[in-house]
Amino acid sequence: MPKSVGNAVIRNRIKRQLREILRARLDQAPPANDYVIVVRQGLPEAAEANGHTWLEARVAEVLGKAAA
C-alpha cells in the first residue's frame, strides 16, 4: 500500500478492514484465482465517511467483476 494513502496507522486500519471483509467473502471468489486489491488515494477517507458497509459493497463489487 503506498505511503500516499496515509500514515502507518491509516494504512494498517484499511488493511485490517479489507482482510476482514475478504475473509468473510472468500467463498464467493473462484478458488483458482489470486486477487490483488490496490488501494488508491482517498479510499481511507471515503471508507471513514461512508462506513464499513460501503467498503463491503465495494469489495463485493470487485469480487463480482472478478467472478464474471
PDB file of N, CA and C in Angstrom:
ATOM      1  N   MET A   1       0.856  -1.157   0.000  1.00  0.00           N
ATOM      2  CA  MET A   1       0.000   0.000   0.000  1.00  0.00           C
ATOM      3  C   MET A   1       0.911   1.231   0.000  1.00  0.00           C
ATOM      4  N   PRO A   2       0.682   2.162  -0.907  1.00  0.00           N
ATOM      5  CA  PRO A   2       1.575   3.321  -1.000  1.00  0.00           C
ATOM      6  C   PRO A   2       1.440   4.267   0.193  1.00  0.00           C
ATOM      7  N   LYS A   3       2.532   4.930   0.491  1.00  0.00           N
ATOM      8  CA  LYS A   3       2.535   5.880   1.603  1.00  0.00           C
ATOM      9  C   LYS A   3       1.652   7.092   1.322  1.00  0.00           C
ATOM     10  N   SER A   4       1.326   7.316   0.057  1.00  0.00           N
ATOM     11  CA  SER A   4       0.465   8.446  -0.282  1.00  0.00           C
ATOM     12  C   SER A   4      -0.960   8.258   0.225  1.00  0.00           C
ATOM     13  N   VAL A   5      -1.299   7.025   0.611  1.00  0.00           N
ATOM     14  CA  VAL A   5      -2.639   6.743   1.134  1.00  0.00           C
ATOM     15  C   VAL A   5      -2.816   7.350   2.513  1.00  0.00           C
ATOM     16  N   GLY A   6      -1.748   7.382   3.292  1.00  0.00           N
ATOM     17  CA  GLY A   6      -1.833   7.943   4.633  1.00  0.00           C
ATOM     18  C   GLY A   6      -0.691   7.438   5.485  1.00  0.00           C
ATOM     19  N   ASN A   7      -0.718   7.810   6.742  1.00  0.00           N
ATOM     20  CA  ASN A   7       0.348   7.350   7.633  1.00  0.00           C
ATOM     21  C   ASN A   7       0.148   5.878   7.985  1.00  0.00           C
ATOM     22  N   ALA A   8       1.060   5.318   8.759  1.00  0.00           N
ATOM     23  CA  ALA A   8       1.039   3.889   9.056  1.00  0.00           C
ATOM     24  C   ALA A   8      -0.244   3.456   9.757  1.00  0.00           C
ATOM     25  N   VAL A   9      -0.761   4.291  10.627  1.00  0.00           N
ATOM     26  CA  VAL A   9      -1.985   3.953  11.354  1.00  0.00           C
ATOM     27  C   VAL A   9      -3.156   3.796  10.375  1.00  0.00           C
ATOM     28  N   ILE A  10      -3.274   4.714   9.457  1.00  0.00           N
ATOM     29  CA  ILE A  10      -4.366   4.681   8.474  1.00  0.00           C
ATOM     30  C   ILE A  10      -4.203   3.498   7.535  1.00  0.00           C
ATOM     31  N   ARG A  11      -2.973   3.267   7.046  1.00  0.00           N
ATOM     32  CA  ARG A  11      -2.728   2.145   6.139  1.00  0.00           C
ATOM     33  C   ARG A  11      -3.040   0.816   6.813  1.00  0.00           C
ATOM     34  N   ASN A  12      -2.625   0.655   8.060  1.00  0.00           N
ATOM     35  CA  ASN A  12      -2.886  -0.597   8.764  1.00  0.00           C
ATOM     36  C   ASN A  12      -4.373  -0.781   9.055  1.00  0.00           C
ATOM     37  N   ARG A  13      -5.073   0.291   9.364  1.00  0.00           N
ATOM     38  CA  ARG A  13      -6.513   0.198   9.621  1.00  0.00           C
ATOM     39  C   ARG A  13      -7.249  -0.276   8.372  1.00  0.00           C
ATOM     40  N   ILE A  14      -6.927   0.306   7.220  1.00  0.00           N
ATOM     41  CA  ILE A  14      -7.627  -0.081   5.992  1.00  0.00           C
ATOM     42  C   ILE A  14      -7.258  -1.513   5.596  1.00  0.00           C
ATOM     43  N   LYS A  15      -6.004  -1.921   5.849  1.00  0.00           N
ATOM     44  CA  LYS A  15      -5.602  -3.304   5.573  1.00  0.00           C
ATOM     45  C   LYS A  15      -6.387  -4.285   6.440  1.00  0.00           C
ATOM     46  N   ARG A  16      -6.541  -3.966   7.713  1.00  0.00           N
ATOM     47  CA  ARG A  16      -7.309  -4.837   8.615  1.00  0.00           C
ATOM     48  C   ARG A  16      -8.764  -4.944   8.163  1.00  0.00           C
ATOM     49  N   GLN A  17      -9.342  -3.812   7.781  1.00  0.00           N
ATOM     50  CA  GLN A  17     -10.733  -3.825   7.336  1.00  0.00           C
ATOM     51  C   GLN A  17     -10.896  -4.658   6.070  1.00  0.00           C
ATOM     52  N   LEU A  18      -9.987  -4.485   5.111  1.00  0.00           N
ATOM     53  CA  LEU A  18     -10.082  -5.236   3.869  1.00  0.00           C
ATOM     54  C   LEU A  18      -9.871  -6.727   4.102  1.00  0.00           C
ATOM     55  N   ARG A  19      -8.941  -7.094   4.967  1.00  0.00           N
ATOM     56  CA  ARG A  19      -8.729  -8.517   5.281  1.00  0.00           C
ATOM     57  C   ARG A  19      -9.980  -9.134   5.889  1.00  0.00           C
ATOM     58  N   GLU A  20     -10.608  -8.420   6.806  1.00  0.00           N
ATOM     59  CA  GLU A  20     -11.820  -8.912   7.457  1.00  0.00           C
ATOM     60  C   GLU A  20     -12.929  -9.136   6.433  1.00  0.00           C
ATOM     61  N   ILE A  21     -13.109  -8.182   5.558  1.00  0.00           N
ATOM     62  CA  ILE A  21     -14.157  -8.279   4.538  1.00  0.00           C
ATOM     63  C   ILE A  21     -13.858  -9.419   3.569  1.00  0.00           C
ATOM     64  N   LEU A  22     -12.615  -9.520   3.128  1.00  0.00           N
ATOM     65  CA  LEU A  22     -12.258 -10.564   2.171  1.00  0.00           C
ATOM     66  C   LEU A  22     -12.376 -11.960   2.773  1.00  0.00           C
ATOM     67  N   ARG A  23     -12.002 -12.130   4.019  1.00  0.00           N
ATOM     68  CA  ARG A  23     -12.137 -13.446   4.662  1.00  0.00           C
ATOM     69  C   ARG A  23     -13.600 -13.878   4.726  1.00  0.00           C
ATOM     70  N   ALA A  24     -14.474 -12.935   4.973  1.00  0.00           N
ATOM     71  CA  ALA A  24     -15.895 -13.259   5.062  1.00  0.00           C
ATOM     72  C   ALA A  24     -16.479 -13.611   3.694  1.00  0.00           C
ATOM     73  N   ARG A  25     -15.898 -13.088   2.631  1.00  0.00           N
ATOM     74  CA  ARG A  25     -16.440 -13.303   1.289  1.00  0.00           C
ATOM     75  C   ARG A  25     -15.591 -14.229   0.435  1.00  0.00           C
ATOM     76  N   LEU A  26     -14.637 -14.893   1.025  1.00  0.00           N
ATOM     77  CA  LEU A  26     -13.722 -15.735   0.273  1.00  0.00           C
ATOM     78  C   LEU A  26     -14.431 -16.881  -0.442  1.00  0.00           C
ATOM     79  N   ASP A  27     -15.531 -17.354   0.119  1.00  0.00           N
ATOM     80  CA  ASP A  27     -16.257 -18.448  -0.513  1.00  0.00           C
ATOM     81  C   ASP A  27     -16.940 -18.017  -1.806  1.00  0.00           C
ATOM     82  N   GLN A  28     -17.131 -16.725  -2.024  1.00  0.00           N
ATOM     83  CA  GLN A  28     -17.762 -16.221  -3.236  1.00  0.00           C
ATOM     84  C   GLN A  28     -16.772 -16.074  -4.382  1.00  0.00           C
ATOM     85  N   ALA A  29     -15.482 -16.103  -4.082  1.00  0.00           N
ATOM     86  CA  ALA A  29     -14.451 -15.921  -5.101  1.00  0.00           C
ATOM     87  C   ALA A  29     -14.031 -17.271  -5.655  1.00  0.00           C
ATOM     88  N   PRO A  30     -13.803 -17.345  -6.967  1.00  0.00           N
ATOM     89  CA  PRO A  30     -13.305 -18.601  -7.539  1.00  0.00           C
ATOM     90  C   PRO A  30     -11.967 -18.978  -6.906  1.00  0.00           C
ATOM     91  N   PRO A  31     -11.811 -20.233  -6.449  1.00  0.00           N
ATOM     92  CA  PRO A  31     -10.602 -20.616  -5.716  1.00  0.00           C
ATOM     93  C   PRO A  31      -9.338 -20.670  -6.568  1.00  0.00           C
ATOM     94  N   ALA A  32      -9.462 -20.741  -7.869  1.00  0.00           N
ATOM     95  CA  ALA A  32      -8.287 -20.866  -8.737  1.00  0.00           C
ATOM     96  C   ALA A  32      -7.606 -19.529  -8.992  1.00  0.00           C
ATOM     97  N   ASN A  33      -8.183 -18.454  -8.530  1.00  0.00           N
ATOM     98  CA  ASN A  33      -7.642 -17.125  -8.818  1.00  0.00           C
ATOM     99  C   ASN A  33      -6.911 -16.537  -7.619  1.00  0.00           C
ATOM    100  N   ASP A  34      -5.962 -15.669  -7.910  1.00  0.00           N
ATOM    101  CA  ASP A  34      -5.319 -14.845  -6.898  1.00  0.00           C
ATOM    102  C   ASP A  34      -5.848 -13.432  -7.083  1.00  0.00           C
ATOM    103  N   TYR A  35      -5.960 -12.691  -5.980  1.00  0.00           N
ATOM    104  CA  TYR A  35      -6.500 -11.344  -6.045  1.00  0.00           C
ATOM    105  C   TYR A  35      -5.539 -10.349  -5.424  1.00  0.00           C
ATOM    106  N   VAL A  36      -5.444  -9.198  -6.050  1.00  0.00           N
ATOM    107  CA  VAL A  36      -4.640  -8.097  -5.532  1.00  0.00           C
ATOM    108  C   VAL A  36      -5.561  -6.887  -5.442  1.00  0.00           C
ATOM    109  N   ILE A  37      -5.692  -6.349  -4.259  1.00  0.00           N
ATOM    110  CA  ILE A  37      -6.513  -5.160  -4.046  1.00  0.00           C
ATOM    111  C   ILE A  37      -5.566  -3.971  -4.005  1.00  0.00           C
ATOM    112  N   VAL A  38      -5.771  -3.020  -4.903  1.00  0.00           N
ATOM    113  CA  VAL A  38      -4.942  -1.824  -4.955  1.00  0.00           C
ATOM    114  C   VAL A  38      -5.715  -0.692  -4.293  1.00  0.00           C
ATOM    115  N   VAL A  39      -5.135  -0.140  -3.267  1.00  0.00           N
ATOM    116  CA  VAL A  39      -5.773   0.951  -2.537  1.00  0.00           C
ATOM    117  C   VAL A  39      -5.271   2.268  -3.112  1.00  0.00           C
ATOM    118  N   ARG A  40      -6.176   3.071  -3.554  1.00  0.00           N
ATOM    119  CA  ARG A  40      -5.832   4.373  -4.131  1.00  0.00           C
ATOM    120  C   ARG A  40      -6.024   5.473  -3.094  1.00  0.00           C
ATOM    121  N   GLN A  41      -5.430   6.599  -3.381  1.00  0.00           N
ATOM    122  CA  GLN A  41      -5.572   7.757  -2.510  1.00  0.00           C
ATOM    123  C   GLN A  41      -7.047   8.116  -2.386  1.00  0.00           C
ATOM    124  N   GLY A  42      -7.481   8.410  -1.199  1.00  0.00           N
ATOM    125  CA  GLY A  42      -8.863   8.797  -0.964  1.00  0.00           C
ATOM    126  C   GLY A  42      -9.740   7.672  -0.444  1.00  0.00           C
ATOM    127  N   LEU A  43      -9.305   6.419  -0.585  1.00  0.00           N
ATOM    128  CA  LEU A  43     -10.122   5.312  -0.097  1.00  0.00           C
ATOM    129  C   LEU A  43     -10.297   5.340   1.409  1.00  0.00           C
ATOM    130  N   PRO A  44      -9.235   5.553   2.188  1.00  0.00           N
ATOM    131  CA  PRO A  44      -9.448   5.593   3.642  1.00  0.00           C
ATOM    132  C   PRO A  44     -10.433   6.681   4.073  1.00  0.00           C
ATOM    133  N   GLU A  45     -10.362   7.840   3.448  1.00  0.00           N
ATOM    134  CA  GLU A  45     -11.283   8.922   3.790  1.00  0.00           C
ATOM    135  C   GLU A  45     -12.706   8.558   3.387  1.00  0.00           C
ATOM    136  N   ALA A  46     -12.859   7.949   2.214  1.00  0.00           N
ATOM    137  CA  ALA A  46     -14.191   7.553   1.754  1.00  0.00           C
ATOM    138  C   ALA A  46     -14.766   6.455   2.643  1.00  0.00           C
ATOM    139  N   ALA A  47     -13.929   5.510   3.041  1.00  0.00           N
ATOM    140  CA  ALA A  47     -14.401   4.433   3.931  1.00  0.00           C
ATOM    141  C   ALA A  47     -14.811   4.990   5.284  1.00  0.00           C
ATOM    142  N   GLU A  48     -14.066   5.956   5.771  1.00  0.00           N
ATOM    143  CA  GLU A  48     -14.404   6.577   7.060  1.00  0.00           C
ATOM    144  C   GLU A  48     -15.709   7.364   6.964  1.00  0.00           C
ATOM    145  N   ALA A  49     -15.884   8.089   5.859  1.00  0.00           N
ATOM    146  CA  ALA A  49     -17.072   8.929   5.696  1.00  0.00           C
ATOM    147  C   ALA A  49     -18.328   8.098   5.423  1.00  0.00           C
ATOM    148  N   ASN A  50     -18.187   7.018   4.645  1.00  0.00           N
ATOM    149  CA  ASN A  50     -19.353   6.250   4.214  1.00  0.00           C
ATOM    150  C   ASN A  50     -19.627   5.024   5.052  1.00  0.00           C
ATOM    151  N   GLY A  51     -18.671   4.592   5.843  1.00  0.00           N
ATOM    152  CA  GLY A  51     -18.889   3.467   6.746  1.00  0.00           C
ATOM    153  C   GLY A  51     -18.402   2.131   6.211  1.00  0.00           C
ATOM    154  N   HIS A  52     -18.435   1.165   7.115  1.00  0.00           N
ATOM    155  CA  HIS A  52     -17.936  -0.175   6.823  1.00  0.00           C
ATOM    156  C   HIS A  52     -18.782  -0.883   5.763  1.00  0.00           C
ATOM    157  N   THR A  53     -20.071  -0.652   5.779  1.00  0.00           N
ATOM    158  CA  THR A  53     -20.947  -1.310   4.799  1.00  0.00           C
ATOM    159  C   THR A  53     -20.645  -0.829   3.386  1.00  0.00           C
ATOM    160  N   TRP A  54     -20.255   0.433   3.240  1.00  0.00           N
ATOM    161  CA  TRP A  54     -19.877   0.960   1.934  1.00  0.00           C
ATOM    162  C   TRP A  54     -18.639   0.235   1.417  1.00  0.00           C
ATOM    163  N   LEU A  55     -17.659   0.041   2.299  1.00  0.00           N
ATOM    164  CA  LEU A  55     -16.442  -0.658   1.914  1.00  0.00           C
ATOM    165  C   LEU A  55     -16.752  -2.108   1.557  1.00  0.00           C
ATOM    166  N   GLU A  56     -17.633  -2.748   2.308  1.00  0.00           N
ATOM    167  CA  GLU A  56     -18.049  -4.117   1.985  1.00  0.00           C
ATOM    168  C   GLU A  56     -18.700  -4.182   0.612  1.00  0.00           C
ATOM    169  N   ALA A  57     -19.504  -3.192   0.277  1.00  0.00           N
ATOM    170  CA  ALA A  57     -20.156  -3.160  -1.028  1.00  0.00           C
ATOM    171  C   ALA A  57     -19.138  -3.000  -2.148  1.00  0.00           C
ATOM    172  N   ARG A  58     -18.105  -2.202  -1.930  1.00  0.00           N
ATOM    173  CA  ARG A  58     -17.065  -2.032  -2.949  1.00  0.00           C
ATOM    174  C   ARG A  58     -16.288  -3.329  -3.181  1.00  0.00           C
ATOM    175  N   VAL A  59     -15.989  -4.034  -2.095  1.00  0.00           N
ATOM    176  CA  VAL A  59     -15.277  -5.313  -2.219  1.00  0.00           C
ATOM    177  C   VAL A  59     -16.170  -6.324  -2.932  1.00  0.00           C
ATOM    178  N   ALA A  60     -17.453  -6.367  -2.604  1.00  0.00           N
ATOM    179  CA  ALA A  60     -18.380  -7.268  -3.270  1.00  0.00           C
ATOM    180  C   ALA A  60     -18.463  -6.956  -4.759  1.00  0.00           C
ATOM    181  N   GLU A  61     -18.420  -5.688  -5.093  1.00  0.00           N
ATOM    182  CA  GLU A  61     -18.447  -5.267  -6.497  1.00  0.00           C
ATOM    183  C   GLU A  61     -17.214  -5.782  -7.226  1.00  0.00           C
ATOM    184  N   VAL A  62     -16.050  -5.662  -6.606  1.00  0.00           N
ATOM    185  CA  VAL A  62     -14.812  -6.130  -7.231  1.00  0.00           C
ATOM    186  C   VAL A  62     -14.832  -7.647  -7.396  1.00  0.00           C
ATOM    187  N   LEU A  63     -15.254  -8.375  -6.363  1.00  0.00           N
ATOM    188  CA  LEU A  63     -15.319  -9.825  -6.466  1.00  0.00           C
ATOM    189  C   LEU A  63     -16.347 -10.274  -7.493  1.00  0.00           C
ATOM    190  N   GLY A  64     -17.439  -9.533  -7.617  1.00  0.00           N
ATOM    191  CA  GLY A  64     -18.441  -9.846  -8.626  1.00  0.00           C
ATOM    192  C   GLY A  64     -17.890  -9.703 -10.031  1.00  0.00           C
ATOM    193  N   LYS A  65     -17.106  -8.670 -10.254  1.00  0.00           N
ATOM    194  CA  LYS A  65     -16.492  -8.480 -11.572  1.00  0.00           C
ATOM    195  C   LYS A  65     -15.445  -9.554 -11.829  1.00  0.00           C
ATOM    196  N   ALA A  66     -14.729  -9.973 -10.808  1.00  0.00           N
ATOM    197  CA  ALA A  66     -13.693 -10.996 -10.973  1.00  0.00           C
ATOM    198  C   ALA A  66     -14.315 -12.360 -11.285  1.00  0.00           C
ATOM    199  N   ALA A  67     -15.479 -12.627 -10.718  1.00  0.00           N
ATOM    200  CA  ALA A  67     -16.125 -13.920 -10.926  1.00  0.00           C
ATOM    201  C   ALA A  67     -16.739 -14.033 -12.308  1.00  0.00           C
ATOM    202  N   ALA A  68     -17.026 -12.910 -12.916  1.00  0.00           N
ATOM    203  CA  ALA A  68     -17.687 -12.912 -14.238  1.00  0.00           C
ATOM    204  C   ALA A  68     -16.767 -13.298 -15.362  1.00  0.00           C
TER     205      ALA A  68
END
